[in-house]
């Protein structure tokens, strides 16, 4: 399996965090999940990374690829 560079929106003690895989600290902390998603989506688009949105239970609820999808849909060549 290909290792992807990923940003994640996850719960944080002060709300919701935006965190890149491999980093110890969150790059951003927001009060609401919606605000964290907006920040994370912009970062992910700028840096061409995967974006995964987690719920409070830490299960992935949504995932988007912004430029480096190793398996793009066949209709998106």
N, C-alpha and C. Protein backbone atom coordinates (compact mmCIF):
# COMPACT_ATOMS: atom_id res chain seq x y z
N UNK A 1 0.84 -1.19 0.00
CA UNK A 1 0.00 0.00 0.00
C UNK A 1 0.88 1.24 0.00
N UNK A 2 0.48 2.24 -0.76
CA UNK A 2 1.21 3.49 -0.89
C UNK A 2 0.95 4.36 0.33
N UNK A 3 2.03 4.88 0.92
CA UNK A 3 1.92 5.79 2.05
C UNK A 3 1.60 7.18 1.51
N UNK A 4 0.52 7.77 2.00
CA UNK A 4 0.09 9.08 1.52
C UNK A 4 0.38 10.15 2.57
N UNK A 5 0.71 11.33 2.11
CA UNK A 5 0.88 12.48 2.98
C UNK A 5 -0.52 12.98 3.32
N UNK A 6 -0.86 13.00 4.61
CA UNK A 6 -2.24 13.24 5.01
C UNK A 6 -2.37 14.30 6.10
N UNK A 7 -3.36 15.18 5.93
CA UNK A 7 -3.80 16.08 6.98
C UNK A 7 -5.10 15.51 7.54
N UNK A 8 -5.31 15.67 8.83
CA UNK A 8 -6.49 15.12 9.48
C UNK A 8 -7.18 16.17 10.35
N UNK A 9 -8.50 16.09 10.39
CA UNK A 9 -9.30 16.86 11.34
C UNK A 9 -9.73 15.86 12.40
N UNK A 10 -9.36 16.14 13.65
CA UNK A 10 -9.63 15.21 14.75
C UNK A 10 -10.04 15.99 16.01
N UNK A 11 -10.71 15.30 16.93
CA UNK A 11 -11.05 15.95 18.19
C UNK A 11 -9.79 16.40 18.94
N UNK A 12 -9.95 17.45 19.72
CA UNK A 12 -8.87 18.01 20.54
C UNK A 12 -9.50 18.45 21.85
N UNK A 13 -8.74 18.51 22.89
CA UNK A 13 -9.28 18.89 24.19
C UNK A 13 -9.90 20.29 24.18
N UNK A 14 -9.46 21.14 23.26
CA UNK A 14 -9.99 22.50 23.15
C UNK A 14 -10.93 22.68 21.95
N UNK A 15 -11.41 21.58 21.37
CA UNK A 15 -12.31 21.66 20.21
C UNK A 15 -11.92 20.64 19.17
N UNK A 16 -11.41 21.13 18.02
CA UNK A 16 -11.02 20.27 16.90
C UNK A 16 -9.66 20.72 16.40
N UNK A 17 -8.83 19.74 16.02
CA UNK A 17 -7.49 20.06 15.56
C UNK A 17 -7.27 19.66 14.11
N UNK A 18 -6.35 20.38 13.47
CA UNK A 18 -5.85 20.03 12.15
C UNK A 18 -4.43 19.55 12.38
N UNK A 19 -4.15 18.33 11.95
CA UNK A 19 -2.84 17.75 12.23
C UNK A 19 -2.35 16.96 11.01
N UNK A 20 -1.10 17.13 10.68
CA UNK A 20 -0.48 16.39 9.58
C UNK A 20 0.14 15.12 10.14
N UNK A 21 -0.01 14.02 9.44
CA UNK A 21 0.60 12.77 9.89
C UNK A 21 2.09 12.96 10.11
N UNK A 22 2.59 12.44 11.20
CA UNK A 22 4.01 12.54 11.53
C UNK A 22 4.34 13.70 12.46
N UNK A 23 3.45 14.68 12.56
CA UNK A 23 3.69 15.82 13.45
C UNK A 23 3.17 15.50 14.85
N UNK A 24 3.88 15.95 15.86
CA UNK A 24 3.46 15.73 17.23
C UNK A 24 2.36 16.68 17.67
N UNK A 25 2.42 17.91 17.16
CA UNK A 25 1.45 18.94 17.56
C UNK A 25 0.51 19.28 16.41
N UNK A 26 -0.65 19.76 16.77
CA UNK A 26 -1.62 20.24 15.79
C UNK A 26 -1.10 21.53 15.16
N UNK A 27 -1.37 21.72 13.88
CA UNK A 27 -0.99 22.97 13.23
C UNK A 27 -2.03 24.05 13.52
N UNK A 28 -3.28 23.63 13.75
CA UNK A 28 -4.37 24.56 14.08
C UNK A 28 -5.34 23.88 15.04
N UNK A 29 -5.93 24.67 15.92
CA UNK A 29 -7.01 24.20 16.80
C UNK A 29 -8.16 25.18 16.63
N UNK A 30 -9.35 24.62 16.40
CA UNK A 30 -10.55 25.44 16.20
C UNK A 30 -11.62 25.02 17.19
N UNK A 31 -12.54 25.93 17.47
CA UNK A 31 -13.63 25.62 18.40
C UNK A 31 -14.62 24.63 17.80
N UNK A 32 -14.85 24.73 16.48
CA UNK A 32 -15.85 23.86 15.85
C UNK A 32 -15.21 22.97 14.80
N UNK A 33 -15.86 21.85 14.54
CA UNK A 33 -15.39 20.93 13.51
C UNK A 33 -15.47 21.60 12.14
N UNK A 34 -16.53 22.33 11.90
CA UNK A 34 -16.73 23.01 10.62
C UNK A 34 -15.58 23.98 10.33
N UNK A 35 -15.18 24.73 11.34
CA UNK A 35 -14.07 25.68 11.19
C UNK A 35 -12.76 24.93 10.92
N UNK A 36 -12.52 23.84 11.64
CA UNK A 36 -11.31 23.04 11.44
C UNK A 36 -11.28 22.43 10.04
N UNK A 37 -12.42 21.97 9.55
CA UNK A 37 -12.50 21.40 8.20
C UNK A 37 -12.15 22.45 7.15
N UNK A 38 -12.65 23.65 7.32
CA UNK A 38 -12.38 24.73 6.37
C UNK A 38 -10.88 25.03 6.31
N UNK A 39 -10.25 25.12 7.47
CA UNK A 39 -8.80 25.37 7.54
C UNK A 39 -8.04 24.21 6.92
N UNK A 40 -8.41 22.99 7.29
CA UNK A 40 -7.70 21.80 6.80
C UNK A 40 -7.83 21.63 5.29
N UNK A 41 -9.01 21.91 4.76
CA UNK A 41 -9.22 21.76 3.32
C UNK A 41 -8.33 22.73 2.54
N UNK A 42 -8.20 23.95 3.01
CA UNK A 42 -7.34 24.94 2.36
C UNK A 42 -5.88 24.50 2.41
N UNK A 43 -5.44 24.04 3.56
CA UNK A 43 -4.05 23.55 3.71
C UNK A 43 -3.82 22.35 2.79
N UNK A 44 -4.73 21.41 2.80
CA UNK A 44 -4.59 20.20 2.00
C UNK A 44 -4.53 20.52 0.51
N UNK A 45 -5.36 21.44 0.06
CA UNK A 45 -5.33 21.85 -1.36
C UNK A 45 -4.00 22.50 -1.70
N UNK A 46 -3.51 23.39 -0.84
CA UNK A 46 -2.25 24.10 -1.08
C UNK A 46 -1.05 23.16 -1.09
N UNK A 47 -1.11 22.11 -0.27
CA UNK A 47 0.04 21.21 -0.13
C UNK A 47 -0.16 19.87 -0.85
N UNK A 48 -1.27 19.74 -1.59
CA UNK A 48 -1.56 18.53 -2.37
C UNK A 48 -1.50 17.26 -1.52
N UNK A 49 -2.20 17.27 -0.40
CA UNK A 49 -2.22 16.11 0.49
C UNK A 49 -3.61 15.49 0.55
N UNK A 50 -3.67 14.31 1.14
CA UNK A 50 -4.95 13.69 1.46
C UNK A 50 -5.56 14.48 2.62
N UNK A 51 -6.87 14.46 2.71
CA UNK A 51 -7.57 15.07 3.85
C UNK A 51 -8.53 14.04 4.40
N UNK A 52 -8.41 13.74 5.69
CA UNK A 52 -9.32 12.82 6.33
C UNK A 52 -9.99 13.51 7.51
N UNK A 53 -11.32 13.41 7.52
CA UNK A 53 -12.13 14.02 8.58
C UNK A 53 -12.58 12.90 9.51
N UNK A 54 -12.25 13.04 10.79
CA UNK A 54 -12.62 12.04 11.79
C UNK A 54 -13.78 12.54 12.64
N UNK A 55 -14.55 11.62 13.18
CA UNK A 55 -15.60 11.96 14.13
C UNK A 55 -15.05 11.91 15.54
N UNK A 56 -15.89 12.20 16.51
CA UNK A 56 -15.46 12.16 17.91
C UNK A 56 -15.00 10.77 18.32
N UNK A 57 -15.51 9.75 17.63
CA UNK A 57 -15.10 8.37 17.91
C UNK A 57 -13.81 7.99 17.19
N UNK A 58 -13.20 8.93 16.47
CA UNK A 58 -11.97 8.79 15.71
C UNK A 58 -12.11 7.96 14.44
N UNK A 59 -13.33 7.54 14.10
CA UNK A 59 -13.53 6.84 12.83
C UNK A 59 -13.52 7.87 11.71
N UNK A 60 -12.96 7.49 10.56
CA UNK A 60 -12.92 8.38 9.41
C UNK A 60 -14.33 8.53 8.85
N UNK A 61 -14.79 9.77 8.74
CA UNK A 61 -16.12 10.06 8.22
C UNK A 61 -16.08 10.48 6.76
N UNK A 62 -14.97 11.10 6.35
CA UNK A 62 -14.87 11.61 4.99
C UNK A 62 -13.39 11.68 4.61
N UNK A 63 -13.11 11.52 3.34
CA UNK A 63 -11.74 11.57 2.86
C UNK A 63 -11.71 12.20 1.47
N UNK A 64 -10.75 13.09 1.24
CA UNK A 64 -10.58 13.73 -0.07
C UNK A 64 -9.10 13.73 -0.44
N UNK A 65 -8.84 13.61 -1.72
CA UNK A 65 -7.48 13.69 -2.23
C UNK A 65 -7.33 15.01 -2.97
N UNK A 66 -6.26 15.71 -2.68
CA UNK A 66 -6.02 17.00 -3.33
C UNK A 66 -4.72 16.98 -4.12
N UNK A 67 -4.70 16.20 -5.19
CA UNK A 67 -3.59 16.27 -6.12
C UNK A 67 -2.65 15.10 -6.19
N UNK A 68 -2.60 14.24 -5.21
CA UNK A 68 -1.65 13.14 -5.25
C UNK A 68 -2.32 11.79 -5.06
N UNK A 69 -3.48 11.61 -5.59
CA UNK A 69 -4.19 10.34 -5.46
C UNK A 69 -3.51 9.30 -6.34
N UNK A 70 -2.91 8.24 -5.75
CA UNK A 70 -2.26 7.23 -6.57
C UNK A 70 -3.25 6.36 -7.34
N UNK A 71 -4.52 6.41 -6.99
CA UNK A 71 -5.56 5.63 -7.65
C UNK A 71 -6.74 6.52 -8.03
N UNK A 72 -6.53 7.49 -8.94
CA UNK A 72 -7.64 8.39 -9.30
C UNK A 72 -8.75 7.64 -10.01
N UNK A 73 -9.98 8.13 -9.91
CA UNK A 73 -11.09 7.51 -10.62
C UNK A 73 -10.79 7.47 -12.12
N UNK A 74 -11.26 6.44 -12.79
CA UNK A 74 -10.99 6.26 -14.21
C UNK A 74 -11.51 7.41 -15.06
N UNK A 75 -12.57 8.09 -14.61
CA UNK A 75 -13.12 9.21 -15.38
C UNK A 75 -12.37 10.51 -15.14
N UNK A 76 -11.32 10.51 -14.32
CA UNK A 76 -10.56 11.72 -13.98
C UNK A 76 -9.11 11.64 -14.47
N UNK A 77 -8.89 11.15 -15.67
CA UNK A 77 -7.52 10.99 -16.19
C UNK A 77 -6.88 12.31 -16.50
